[in-house]
């Protein structure tokens, strides 16, 4: 998908890939990972299972009342 896009637009695939990796802050195994947010989906799943809001990524504190 990204390769085809780069060919059509004249962008260098490897430069575009490196820019995307740098912007996301992590390497991707599949281009489909750009379209979904696995970390957010995992947090939502944990919230649904345990009934606790685990907060945003990088924020480890949990408020208890």
PDB file of N, CA and C in Angstrom:
ATOM      1  N   UNK A   1       0.828  -1.180   0.000  1.00  0.00           N
ATOM      2  CA  UNK A   1       0.000   0.000   0.000  1.00  0.00           C
ATOM      3  C   UNK A   1       0.883   1.259   0.000  1.00  0.00           C
ATOM      4  N   UNK A   2       1.795   1.357   0.953  1.00  0.00           N
ATOM      5  CA  UNK A   2       2.673   2.521   1.022  1.00  0.00           C
ATOM      6  C   UNK A   2       3.611   2.547  -0.180  1.00  0.00           C
ATOM      7  N   UNK A   3       4.086   1.356  -0.568  1.00  0.00           N
ATOM      8  CA  UNK A   3       4.978   1.272  -1.723  1.00  0.00           C
ATOM      9  C   UNK A   3       4.274   1.809  -2.969  1.00  0.00           C
ATOM     10  N   UNK A   4       3.039   1.390  -3.197  1.00  0.00           N
ATOM     11  CA  UNK A   4       2.270   1.844  -4.365  1.00  0.00           C
ATOM     12  C   UNK A   4       2.020   3.345  -4.317  1.00  0.00           C
ATOM     13  N   UNK A   5       1.702   3.852  -3.135  1.00  0.00           N
ATOM     14  CA  UNK A   5       1.477   5.283  -2.983  1.00  0.00           C
ATOM     15  C   UNK A   5       2.743   6.065  -3.328  1.00  0.00           C
ATOM     16  N   UNK A   6       3.884   5.594  -2.824  1.00  0.00           N
ATOM     17  CA  UNK A   6       5.152   6.282  -3.080  1.00  0.00           C
ATOM     18  C   UNK A   6       5.519   6.243  -4.557  1.00  0.00           C
ATOM     19  N   UNK A   7       5.260   5.121  -5.206  1.00  0.00           N
ATOM     20  CA  UNK A   7       5.528   5.036  -6.642  1.00  0.00           C
ATOM     21  C   UNK A   7       4.664   6.026  -7.417  1.00  0.00           C
ATOM     22  N   UNK A   8       3.399   6.147  -7.042  1.00  0.00           N
ATOM     23  CA  UNK A   8       2.476   7.042  -7.732  1.00  0.00           C
ATOM     24  C   UNK A   8       2.789   8.511  -7.527  1.00  0.00           C
ATOM     25  N   UNK A   9       3.313   8.848  -6.357  1.00  0.00           N
ATOM     26  CA  UNK A   9       3.574  10.255  -6.044  1.00  0.00           C
ATOM     27  C   UNK A   9       5.019  10.657  -6.271  1.00  0.00           C
ATOM     28  N   UNK A  10       5.898   9.666  -6.482  1.00  0.00           N
ATOM     29  CA  UNK A  10       7.307   9.966  -6.705  1.00  0.00           C
ATOM     30  C   UNK A  10       8.119  10.103  -5.428  1.00  0.00           C
ATOM     31  N   UNK A  11       7.529   9.772  -4.278  1.00  0.00           N
ATOM     32  CA  UNK A  11       8.263   9.817  -3.016  1.00  0.00           C
ATOM     33  C   UNK A  11       9.160   8.592  -2.895  1.00  0.00           C
ATOM     34  N   UNK A  12      10.254   8.744  -2.166  1.00  0.00           N
ATOM     35  CA  UNK A  12      11.121   7.622  -1.871  1.00  0.00           C
ATOM     36  C   UNK A  12      10.474   6.810  -0.747  1.00  0.00           C
ATOM     37  N   UNK A  13      10.253   5.527  -0.991  1.00  0.00           N
ATOM     38  CA  UNK A  13       9.562   4.670  -0.032  1.00  0.00           C
ATOM     39  C   UNK A  13      10.269   4.651   1.324  1.00  0.00           C
ATOM     40  N   UNK A  14      11.587   4.484   1.314  1.00  0.00           N
ATOM     41  CA  UNK A  14      12.331   4.331   2.565  1.00  0.00           C
ATOM     42  C   UNK A  14      12.364   5.627   3.375  1.00  0.00           C
ATOM     43  N   UNK A  15      12.411   6.758   2.703  1.00  0.00           N
ATOM     44  CA  UNK A  15      12.362   8.044   3.402  1.00  0.00           C
ATOM     45  C   UNK A  15      10.978   8.236   4.019  1.00  0.00           C
ATOM     46  N   UNK A  16       9.933   7.937   3.253  1.00  0.00           N
ATOM     47  CA  UNK A  16       8.561   8.064   3.765  1.00  0.00           C
ATOM     48  C   UNK A  16       8.346   7.137   4.956  1.00  0.00           C
ATOM     49  N   UNK A  17       8.838   5.908   4.845  1.00  0.00           N
ATOM     50  CA  UNK A  17       8.698   4.938   5.937  1.00  0.00           C
ATOM     51  C   UNK A  17       9.411   5.425   7.194  1.00  0.00           C
ATOM     52  N   UNK A  18      10.621   5.931   7.049  1.00  0.00           N
ATOM     53  CA  UNK A  18      11.373   6.429   8.205  1.00  0.00           C
ATOM     54  C   UNK A  18      10.683   7.623   8.855  1.00  0.00           C
ATOM     55  N   UNK A  19      10.118   8.502   8.052  1.00  0.00           N
ATOM     56  CA  UNK A  19       9.390   9.658   8.593  1.00  0.00           C
ATOM     57  C   UNK A  19       8.173   9.188   9.387  1.00  0.00           C
ATOM     58  N   UNK A  20       7.458   8.210   8.855  1.00  0.00           N
ATOM     59  CA  UNK A  20       6.281   7.680   9.560  1.00  0.00           C
ATOM     60  C   UNK A  20       6.698   7.027  10.867  1.00  0.00           C
ATOM     61  N   UNK A  21       7.759   6.208  10.841  1.00  0.00           N
ATOM     62  CA  UNK A  21       8.234   5.564  12.071  1.00  0.00           C
ATOM     63  C   UNK A  21       8.626   6.595  13.108  1.00  0.00           C
ATOM     64  N   UNK A  22       9.335   7.643  12.678  1.00  0.00           N
ATOM     65  CA  UNK A  22       9.768   8.686  13.597  1.00  0.00           C
ATOM     66  C   UNK A  22       8.572   9.418  14.193  1.00  0.00           C
ATOM     67  N   UNK A  23       7.588   9.702  13.373  1.00  0.00           N
ATOM     68  CA  UNK A  23       6.401  10.439  13.831  1.00  0.00           C
ATOM     69  C   UNK A  23       5.586   9.619  14.824  1.00  0.00           C
ATOM     70  N   UNK A  24       5.457   8.307  14.566  1.00  0.00           N
ATOM     71  CA  UNK A  24       4.687   7.437  15.453  1.00  0.00           C
ATOM     72  C   UNK A  24       5.452   7.074  16.718  1.00  0.00           C
ATOM     73  N   UNK A  25       6.767   7.146  16.659  1.00  0.00           N
ATOM     74  CA  UNK A  25       7.581   6.804  17.809  1.00  0.00           C
ATOM     75  C   UNK A  25       7.802   5.319  17.971  1.00  0.00           C
ATOM     76  N   UNK A  26       7.495   4.546  16.956  1.00  0.00           N
ATOM     77  CA  UNK A  26       7.706   3.100  17.012  1.00  0.00           C
ATOM     78  C   UNK A  26       7.743   2.536  15.608  1.00  0.00           C
ATOM     79  N   UNK A  27       8.310   1.368  15.482  1.00  0.00           N
ATOM     80  CA  UNK A  27       8.362   0.705  14.185  1.00  0.00           C
ATOM     81  C   UNK A  27       7.078  -0.089  13.977  1.00  0.00           C
ATOM     82  N   UNK A  28       6.689  -0.215  12.743  1.00  0.00           N
ATOM     83  CA  UNK A  28       5.486  -0.961  12.393  1.00  0.00           C
ATOM     84  C   UNK A  28       5.869  -2.257  11.701  1.00  0.00           C
ATOM     85  N   UNK A  29       5.140  -3.299  11.991  1.00  0.00           N
ATOM     86  CA  UNK A  29       5.337  -4.569  11.305  1.00  0.00           C
ATOM     87  C   UNK A  29       4.517  -4.576  10.017  1.00  0.00           C
ATOM     88  N   UNK A  30       3.344  -3.995  10.103  1.00  0.00           N
ATOM     89  CA  UNK A  30       2.428  -3.968   8.967  1.00  0.00           C
ATOM     90  C   UNK A  30       1.900  -2.544   8.804  1.00  0.00           C
ATOM     91  N   UNK A  31       1.651  -2.150   7.570  1.00  0.00           N
ATOM     92  CA  UNK A  31       1.121  -0.809   7.329  1.00  0.00           C
ATOM     93  C   UNK A  31      -0.257  -0.612   7.939  1.00  0.00           C
ATOM     94  N   UNK A  32      -0.986  -1.693   8.131  1.00  0.00           N
ATOM     95  CA  UNK A  32      -2.325  -1.591   8.708  1.00  0.00           C
ATOM     96  C   UNK A  32      -2.286  -1.059  10.139  1.00  0.00           C
ATOM     97  N   UNK A  33      -1.123  -1.162  10.806  1.00  0.00           N
ATOM     98  CA  UNK A  33      -0.996  -0.646  12.164  1.00  0.00           C
ATOM     99  C   UNK A  33      -1.128   0.868  12.208  1.00  0.00           C
ATOM    100  N   UNK A  34      -0.906   1.551  11.078  1.00  0.00           N
ATOM    101  CA  UNK A  34      -1.079   3.002  11.037  1.00  0.00           C
ATOM    102  C   UNK A  34      -2.552   3.374  11.126  1.00  0.00           C
ATOM    103  N   UNK A  35      -3.410   2.477  10.658  1.00  0.00           N
ATOM    104  CA  UNK A  35      -4.835   2.767  10.600  1.00  0.00           C
ATOM    105  C   UNK A  35      -5.559   2.478  11.904  1.00  0.00           C
ATOM    106  N   UNK A  36      -4.975   1.628  12.711  1.00  0.00           N
ATOM    107  CA  UNK A  36      -5.614   1.322  13.997  1.00  0.00           C
ATOM    108  C   UNK A  36      -4.630   1.620  15.118  1.00  0.00           C
ATOM    109  N   UNK A  37      -5.156   1.889  16.273  1.00  0.00           N
ATOM    110  CA  UNK A  37      -4.318   2.210  17.429  1.00  0.00           C
ATOM    111  C   UNK A  37      -4.428   1.047  18.412  1.00  0.00           C
ATOM    112  N   UNK A  38      -3.478   0.104  18.308  1.00  0.00           N
ATOM    113  CA  UNK A  38      -3.530  -1.101  19.142  1.00  0.00           C
ATOM    114  C   UNK A  38      -3.465  -0.783  20.629  1.00  0.00           C
ATOM    115  N   UNK A  39      -2.675   0.226  21.009  1.00  0.00           N
ATOM    116  CA  UNK A  39      -2.564   0.583  22.429  1.00  0.00           C
ATOM    117  C   UNK A  39      -3.904   1.087  22.961  1.00  0.00           C
ATOM    118  N   UNK A  40      -4.567   1.916  22.186  1.00  0.00           N
ATOM    119  CA  UNK A  40      -5.871   2.440  22.613  1.00  0.00           C
ATOM    120  C   UNK A  40      -6.894   1.309  22.698  1.00  0.00           C
ATOM    121  N   UNK A  41      -6.888   0.421  21.710  1.00  0.00           N
ATOM    122  CA  UNK A  41      -7.816  -0.708  21.732  1.00  0.00           C
ATOM    123  C   UNK A  41      -7.570  -1.592  22.946  1.00  0.00           C
ATOM    124  N   UNK A  42      -6.315  -1.808  23.295  1.00  0.00           N
ATOM    125  CA  UNK A  42      -5.979  -2.626  24.469  1.00  0.00           C
ATOM    126  C   UNK A  42      -6.460  -1.970  25.757  1.00  0.00           C
ATOM    127  N   UNK A  43      -6.271  -0.640  25.876  1.00  0.00           N
ATOM    128  CA  UNK A  43      -6.756   0.073  27.064  1.00  0.00           C
ATOM    129  C   UNK A  43      -8.276  -0.024  27.173  1.00  0.00           C
ATOM    130  N   UNK A  44      -8.979   0.120  26.049  1.00  0.00           N
ATOM    131  CA  UNK A  44     -10.436   0.015  26.066  1.00  0.00           C
ATOM    132  C   UNK A  44     -10.890  -1.387  26.461  1.00  0.00           C
ATOM    133  N   UNK A  45     -10.159  -2.392  25.987  1.00  0.00           N
ATOM    134  CA  UNK A  45     -10.478  -3.769  26.347  1.00  0.00           C
ATOM    135  C   UNK A  45     -10.279  -4.002  27.843  1.00  0.00           C
ATOM    136  N   UNK A  46      -9.171  -3.501  28.394  1.00  0.00           N
ATOM    137  CA  UNK A  46      -8.930  -3.638  29.828  1.00  0.00           C
ATOM    138  C   UNK A  46      -9.986  -2.898  30.641  1.00  0.00           C
ATOM    139  N   UNK A  47     -10.386  -1.732  30.163  1.00  0.00           N
ATOM    140  CA  UNK A  47     -11.426  -0.970  30.863  1.00  0.00           C
ATOM    141  C   UNK A  47     -12.740  -1.735  30.865  1.00  0.00           C
ATOM    142  N   UNK A  48     -13.058  -2.348  29.733  1.00  0.00           N
ATOM    143  CA  UNK A  48     -14.315  -3.104  29.638  1.00  0.00           C
ATOM    144  C   UNK A  48     -14.281  -4.318  30.564  1.00  0.00           C
ATOM    145  N   UNK A  49     -13.149  -5.021  30.613  1.00  0.00           N
ATOM    146  CA  UNK A  49     -13.027  -6.236  31.419  1.00  0.00           C
ATOM    147  C   UNK A  49     -12.988  -5.928  32.908  1.00  0.00           C
ATOM    148  N   UNK A  50     -12.184  -4.930  33.312  1.00  0.00           N
ATOM    149  CA  UNK A  50     -11.968  -4.663  34.728  1.00  0.00           C
ATOM    150  C   UNK A  50     -12.793  -3.499  35.263  1.00  0.00           C
ATOM    151  N   UNK A  51     -13.404  -2.714  34.376  1.00  0.00           N
ATOM    152  CA  UNK A  51     -14.216  -1.596  34.829  1.00  0.00           C
ATOM    153  C   UNK A  51     -13.410  -0.442  35.386  1.00  0.00           C
ATOM    154  N   UNK A  52     -12.151  -0.325  34.986  1.00  0.00           N
ATOM    155  CA  UNK A  52     -11.264   0.723  35.481  1.00  0.00           C
ATOM    156  C   UNK A  52     -10.704   1.479  34.285  1.00  0.00           C
ATOM    157  N   UNK A  53     -10.709   2.805  34.387  1.00  0.00           N
ATOM    158  CA  UNK A  53     -10.106   3.624  33.349  1.00  0.00           C
ATOM    159  C   UNK A  53      -8.607   3.680  33.601  1.00  0.00           C
ATOM    160  N   UNK A  54      -7.817   3.117  32.708  1.00  0.00           N
ATOM    161  CA  UNK A  54      -6.377   3.051  32.893  1.00  0.00           C
ATOM    162  C   UNK A  54      -5.670   4.299  32.406  1.00  0.00           C
ATOM    163  N   UNK A  55      -6.385   5.280  31.935  1.00  0.00           N
ATOM    164  CA  UNK A  55      -5.790   6.541  31.528  1.00  0.00           C
ATOM    165  C   UNK A  55      -5.096   6.463  30.192  1.00  0.00           C
ATOM    166  N   UNK A  56      -4.425   7.539  29.868  1.00  0.00           N
ATOM    167  CA  UNK A  56      -3.749   7.631  28.588  1.00  0.00           C
ATOM    168  C   UNK A  56      -2.414   6.898  28.623  1.00  0.00           C
ATOM    169  N   UNK A  57      -1.915   6.599  27.444  1.00  0.00           N
ATOM    170  CA  UNK A  57      -0.620   5.953  27.340  1.00  0.00           C
ATOM    171  C   UNK A  57       0.455   6.852  27.942  1.00  0.00           C
ATOM    172  N   UNK A  58       1.335   6.280  28.725  1.00  0.00           N
ATOM    173  CA  UNK A  58       2.396   7.053  29.346  1.00  0.00           C
ATOM    174  C   UNK A  58       2.016   7.583  30.718  1.00  0.00           C
ATOM    175  N   UNK A  59       0.748   7.547  31.058  1.00  0.00           N
ATOM    176  CA  UNK A  59       0.266   7.986  32.376  1.00  0.00           C
ATOM    177  C   UNK A  59      -0.062   6.765  33.194  1.00  0.00           C
ATOM    178  N   UNK A  60       0.756   6.448  34.147  1.00  0.00           N
ATOM    179  CA  UNK A  60       0.604   5.205  34.884  1.00  0.00           C
ATOM    180  C   UNK A  60      -0.188   5.348  36.181  1.00  0.00           C
ATOM    181  N   UNK A  61      -0.448   6.551  36.621  1.00  0.00           N
ATOM    182  CA  UNK A  61      -1.171   6.742  37.869  1.00  0.00           C
ATOM    183  C   UNK A  61      -2.649   6.428  37.717  1.00  0.00           C
ATOM    184  N   UNK A  62      -3.213   5.772  38.694  1.00  0.00           N
ATOM    185  CA  UNK A  62      -4.633   5.467  38.689  1.00  0.00           C
ATOM    186  C   UNK A  62      -5.221   6.052  39.962  1.00  0.00           C
ATOM    187  N   UNK A  63      -6.245   6.877  39.794  1.00  0.00           N
ATOM    188  CA  UNK A  63      -6.896   7.487  40.951  1.00  0.00           C
ATOM    189  C   UNK A  63      -7.910   6.515  41.552  1.00  0.00           C
ATOM    190  N   UNK A  64      -7.828   6.310  42.827  1.00  0.00           N
ATOM    191  CA  UNK A  64      -8.790   5.468  43.538  1.00  0.00           C
ATOM    192  C   UNK A  64      -9.573   6.337  44.491  1.00  0.00           C
ATOM    193  N   UNK A  65     -10.821   6.059  44.538  1.00  0.00           N
ATOM    194  CA  UNK A  65     -11.697   6.831  45.441  1.00  0.00           C
ATOM    195  C   UNK A  65     -12.166   5.930  46.557  1.00  0.00           C
TER     196      UNK A  65
END
